[in-house]
Protein backbone atom coordinates (compact mmCIF):
# COMPACT_ATOMS: atom_id res chain seq x y z
CA MET A 1 0.04 -0.01 -0.01
CA THR A 2 2.82 2.28 0.85
CA SER A 3 4.50 1.52 -2.48
CA LEU A 4 1.31 2.46 -4.29
CA LEU A 5 1.10 5.81 -2.49
CA PHE A 6 4.70 6.63 -3.24
CA GLY A 7 4.22 5.50 -6.81
CA ALA A 8 1.14 7.68 -7.25
CA ALA A 9 2.97 10.67 -5.71
CA GLY A 10 5.95 10.05 -7.92
CA PHE A 11 3.97 9.80 -11.15
CA THR A 12 1.95 12.86 -10.15
CA LEU A 13 5.13 14.89 -9.48
CA VAL A 14 6.72 13.83 -12.77
CA GLY A 15 3.56 14.64 -14.64
CA TYR A 16 3.37 18.04 -12.92
CA LEU A 17 7.00 18.87 -13.82
CA ILE A 18 6.63 17.86 -17.47
CA GLY A 19 3.27 19.67 -17.65
CA LYS A 20 4.92 22.96 -16.79
CA LEU A 21 6.54 22.94 -20.21
CA PHE A 22 3.05 22.96 -21.78
CA VAL A 23 1.39 25.58 -19.49
CA ARG A 24 2.06 28.71 -21.41
CA PHE A 25 1.68 26.97 -24.78
CA ASN A 26 5.14 28.14 -25.79
CA PRO A 27 6.07 26.26 -28.96
CA ALA A 28 9.76 25.93 -27.96
CA LEU A 29 9.01 24.62 -24.45
CA MET A 30 6.29 22.34 -25.84
CA LEU A 31 8.80 20.90 -28.33
CA ILE A 32 11.31 20.25 -25.51
CA GLY A 33 8.53 18.77 -23.40
CA LEU A 34 7.73 16.21 -26.05
CA PHE A 35 11.01 14.33 -25.37
CA PRO A 36 10.44 13.63 -21.63
CA LEU A 37 6.78 13.06 -22.38
CA TYR A 38 7.71 10.48 -24.99
CA GLY A 39 10.14 8.81 -22.56
CA MET A 40 7.57 8.61 -19.83
CA TRP A 41 5.11 7.14 -22.18
CA ILE A 42 7.52 4.38 -23.14
CA GLY A 43 8.37 3.78 -19.45
CA ILE A 44 4.78 3.66 -18.27
CA SER A 45 3.80 1.37 -21.14
CA GLU A 46 6.28 -1.28 -19.89
CA LEU A 47 4.92 -1.25 -16.31
CA ASP A 48 2.42 -3.74 -14.99
CA ASN A 49 0.31 -1.04 -13.46
CA LYS A 50 0.51 1.20 -16.48
CA TYR A 51 -3.09 2.41 -16.17
CA PHE A 52 -2.48 3.37 -12.56
CA ALA A 53 0.67 5.24 -13.53
CA THR A 54 -0.98 6.92 -16.50
CA VAL A 55 -3.83 8.24 -14.46
CA PHE A 56 -1.61 9.90 -11.88
CA PHE A 57 0.79 11.13 -14.49
CA VAL A 58 -2.11 12.82 -16.36
CA ILE A 59 -3.40 14.25 -13.05
CA GLY A 60 0.02 15.78 -12.39
CA MET A 61 0.02 17.42 -15.82
CA ILE A 62 -3.51 18.72 -15.42
CA LEU A 63 -2.58 20.41 -12.09
CA ASN A 64 -0.42 22.77 -14.15
CA PHE A 65 -3.44 23.83 -16.11
CA ASN A 66 -5.38 25.07 -13.07
CA ARG A 67 -5.09 28.75 -14.08
CA PRO A 68 -5.83 28.18 -17.75
CA LEU A 69 -8.81 26.12 -16.83
CA THR A 70 -9.89 28.78 -14.44
CA TYR A 71 -9.38 31.43 -17.14
CA ALA A 72 -11.34 29.23 -19.60
CA ARG A 73 -14.11 28.80 -17.06
CA SER A 74 -14.06 32.53 -16.48
CA ARG A 75 -14.20 33.29 -20.18
CA ILE A 76 -16.99 30.77 -20.64
CA SER A 77 -18.84 32.38 -17.71
CA ASP A 78 -18.27 35.83 -19.29
CA VAL A 79 -19.61 34.60 -22.62
CA VAL A 80 -22.60 33.00 -20.98
CA GLY A 81 -23.09 36.25 -18.92
CA THR A 82 -22.80 38.34 -22.09
CA ILE A 83 -25.32 36.11 -23.87
CA ARG A 84 -27.69 36.41 -20.94
CA LEU A 85 -27.12 40.15 -20.76
CA ARG A 86 -27.79 40.50 -24.49
CA LYS A 87 -30.93 38.40 -24.10
CA LEU A 88 -32.03 40.55 -21.18
CA SER A 89 -31.19 43.67 -23.17
CA ASN A 90 -33.13 42.39 -26.16
CA ASP A 91 -36.08 41.47 -23.90
CA PHE A 92 -35.85 44.89 -22.28
CA ALA A 93 -35.70 46.59 -25.68
CA SER A 94 -38.60 44.49 -26.88
CA ASN A 95 -40.53 45.38 -23.76
CA ILE A 96 -39.70 49.08 -24.19
CA GLU A 97 -40.70 48.86 -27.88
CA ALA A 98 -44.01 47.15 -26.92
CA GLN A 99 -44.66 49.78 -24.28
CA LYS A 100 -43.85 52.50 -26.78
CA GLN A 101 -46.20 50.98 -29.38
CA GLN A 102 -48.92 50.64 -26.70
CA ALA A 103 -48.32 54.22 -25.64
CA GLU A 104 -48.57 55.40 -29.22
CA ARG A 105 -51.79 53.42 -29.69
CA ASP A 106 -53.21 54.87 -26.45
CA LEU A 107 -52.17 58.36 -27.50
CA TYR A 108 -53.73 57.86 -30.95
CA GLU A 109 -56.93 56.64 -29.34
CA GLN A 110 -57.00 59.59 -26.95
CA LYS A 111 -56.31 61.97 -29.80
CA ARG A 112 -59.12 60.43 -31.84
CA GLN A 113 -61.52 60.67 -28.90
CA VAL A 114 -60.55 64.28 -28.30
CA GLU A 115 -61.00 65.14 -32.03
CA GLN A 116 -64.39 63.51 -32.02
CA GLU A 117 -65.40 65.38 -28.87
CA LEU A 118 -64.19 68.66 -30.41
CA LYS A 119 -66.11 67.93 -33.60
CA ARG A 120 -69.21 67.10 -31.58
CA GLN A 121 -68.85 70.31 -29.53
CA LYS A 122 -68.19 72.37 -32.64
CA LYS A 123 -71.26 70.88 -34.34
CA GLU A 124 -73.40 71.60 -31.29
CA ALA A 125 -71.96 75.17 -31.09
CA GLU A 126 -72.75 75.71 -34.81
CA GLN A 127 -76.27 74.36 -34.40
CA ASP A 128 -76.83 76.59 -31.32
CA LEU A 129 -75.45 79.56 -33.22
CA GLN A 130 -77.67 78.90 -36.21
CA ARG A 131 -80.69 78.49 -33.90
CA GLN A 132 -79.87 81.72 -32.08
CA ARG A 133 -79.38 83.47 -35.41
CA ARG A 134 -82.74 82.23 -36.67
CA GLU A 135 -84.44 83.25 -33.50
CA ALA A 136 -82.76 86.67 -33.67
CA GLU A 137 -83.75 87.07 -37.35
CA GLU A 138 -87.31 86.11 -36.57
CA ALA A 139 -87.40 88.50 -33.61
CA ILE A 140 -85.98 91.27 -35.79
CA LYS A 141 -88.53 90.53 -38.51
CA ARG A 142 -91.34 90.61 -35.96
CA GLU A 143 -90.08 93.83 -34.49
CA ALA A 144 -89.63 95.35 -37.96
CA GLU A 145 -93.11 94.25 -38.88
CA ASN A 146 -94.55 95.82 -35.73
CA LEU A 147 -92.59 99.04 -36.32
CA ARG A 148 -93.78 99.07 -39.92
CA LYS A 149 -97.40 98.72 -38.89
CA GLU A 150 -97.02 101.35 -36.15
CA ARG A 151 -95.30 103.70 -38.61
CA GLU A 152 -98.05 103.15 -41.25
CA HIS A 153 -100.73 103.81 -38.64
CA TYR A 154 -98.92 106.90 -37.41
CA GLU A 155 -98.36 108.12 -40.95
CA ARG A 156 -102.04 107.61 -41.79
CA GLU A 157 -103.03 109.57 -38.75
CA GLN A 158 -100.47 112.30 -39.55
CA SER A 159 -101.64 112.36 -43.22
CA ASN A 160 -105.21 112.70 -42.21
CA ASN A 161 -104.38 115.42 -39.72
CA GLN A 162 -102.14 117.13 -42.24
CA ASN A 163 -104.85 116.96 -44.89
CA LYS A 164 -107.28 118.54 -42.57
CA THR A 165 -104.83 121.18 -41.51
CA ASN A 166 -103.81 121.81 -45.11
CA SER A 167 -107.39 122.04 -46.20
CA GLU A 168 -108.12 124.50 -43.48
CA GLN A 169 -104.95 126.51 -44.29
CA SER A 170 -105.59 126.21 -47.96
CA SER A 171 -109.14 127.43 -47.53
CA SER A 172 -107.92 130.35 -45.43
CA THR A 173 -105.14 131.16 -47.90
CA GLN A 174 -107.38 130.67 -50.86
CA SER A 175 -109.84 133.18 -49.48
CA ASN A 176 -106.98 135.64 -49.35
CA LYS A 177 -105.80 134.74 -52.82
CA GLN A 178 -109.07 134.60 -54.69
CA HIS A 179 -108.27 137.90 -56.23
CA LEU A 180 -104.92 136.69 -57.59
CA ASN A 181 -104.73 135.90 -61.32
CA PRO A 182 -102.42 132.92 -62.06
CA LEU A 183 -101.81 134.22 -65.54
CA VAL A 184 -100.16 137.37 -64.09
CA PHE A 185 -96.49 136.77 -63.17
CA ALA A 186 -96.62 138.69 -59.85
CA ASP A 187 -99.85 136.96 -58.86
CA ALA A 188 -98.42 133.58 -59.98
CA CYS A 189 -95.45 134.14 -57.63
CA GLU A 190 -97.80 134.81 -54.79
CA ILE A 191 -99.79 131.68 -55.58
CA LEU A 192 -96.52 129.63 -55.40
CA GLY A 193 -95.93 131.15 -51.96
CA LEU A 194 -92.89 133.22 -53.04
CA GLY A 195 -92.44 136.77 -53.92
CA GLN A 196 -90.81 138.06 -57.10
CA GLY A 197 -87.04 137.91 -57.63
CA LYS A 198 -86.55 134.12 -57.02
CA THR A 199 -84.88 131.69 -59.46
CA LEU A 200 -86.74 129.22 -61.56
CA LYS A 201 -85.29 126.38 -59.40
CA GLU A 202 -86.71 127.95 -56.22
CA TYR A 203 -90.16 128.41 -57.83
CA LYS A 204 -90.12 124.80 -59.06
CA ALA A 205 -89.27 123.54 -55.55
CA ALA A 206 -92.17 125.57 -54.09
CA TYR A 207 -94.48 124.28 -56.82
CA LEU A 208 -93.56 120.57 -56.20
CA LYS A 209 -93.94 121.06 -52.43
CA LEU A 210 -97.44 122.55 -52.83
CA MET A 211 -98.54 119.95 -55.37
CA LYS A 212 -97.83 117.20 -52.86
CA LEU A 213 -100.62 118.69 -50.74
CA TYR A 214 -103.12 118.05 -53.52
CA HIS A 215 -102.15 114.50 -54.29
CA SER A 216 -105.09 112.18 -54.90
CA ASP A 217 -104.15 109.95 -51.94
CA LYS A 218 -104.32 112.91 -49.59
CA LEU A 219 -107.70 114.03 -51.02
CA ALA A 220 -109.24 110.62 -50.66
CA GLY A 221 -110.48 111.26 -47.12
CA LEU A 222 -112.16 114.61 -47.90
CA SER A 223 -115.77 115.33 -48.75
CA ASP A 224 -116.78 115.94 -52.33
CA GLU A 225 -117.11 119.67 -51.82
CA LEU A 226 -113.63 119.99 -50.21
CA ARG A 227 -112.14 117.70 -52.85
CA LYS A 228 -113.46 119.87 -55.70
CA GLN A 229 -112.05 122.95 -54.01
CA GLU A 230 -108.64 121.33 -53.65
CA GLU A 231 -108.75 120.25 -57.30
CA GLU A 232 -109.48 123.82 -58.34
CA ARG A 233 -106.59 125.09 -56.29
CA ALA A 234 -104.30 122.52 -57.85
CA LYS A 235 -105.35 123.71 -61.28
CA ALA A 236 -104.64 127.29 -60.30
CA LEU A 237 -101.24 126.17 -58.98
CA ASN A 238 -100.43 124.48 -62.35
CA VAL A 239 -101.44 127.61 -64.22
CA ALA A 240 -99.25 129.79 -61.93
CA TRP A 241 -96.27 127.47 -62.41
CA GLY A 242 -96.76 127.60 -66.15
CA THR A 243 -96.79 131.40 -66.04
CA VAL A 244 -93.62 131.58 -63.93
CA LYS A 245 -91.79 128.96 -66.05
CA LYS A 246 -92.73 130.77 -69.25
CA LYS A 247 -91.58 134.13 -67.82
CA LEU A 248 -88.19 132.97 -66.55
CA LYS A 249 -87.16 130.73 -69.44
């Protein structure tokens, strides 16, 4: 048993020493290491316990590669960690992209709802405005119609009162002017309500103003006697205007 332990320790030590030539993977050292490795291989192959010796010799060589194996394990761990990190990064990026797309969809939906609400409010506002406009127009029309009726009623009353007043004034004036001859220029000027020395334009304006008093619409409310008197006065006014116009042309 003791011989086996010493044999195992010896083969392990020899394998460890030869393995040092191969640790750094230096081509020159590895070439040198091939000679003792080959010698040990021949020596071990002639032993009875060659498998026992081979195992401990290989274990001794492997002990030299503790650091490279550790480095390899570290590199493998780094690669695995990098792969996991990339996977996590991709998953995170995918999650961010999904959240971004969902946020865009939510924003689009909110925007669409806001636009629909604004369109609805705008439509209601336009309808309310049109309704208010129609009501205002109808109110204005009613007010205008009422004012028109009131004005027509007032004008009729004023016209009737004016006709009566004009008839009375005309009767009074006519009584004072019965002696005037419309064919005489001076008398014609008096009939027109102006003295001599005025322009034709002024006489014409006075004539037109007086003739409005004898319009048929204003004579409609008078009695037959008064209407005949007014018609005679209108004829005298026409003759007087003809006299003045003939004189001043």
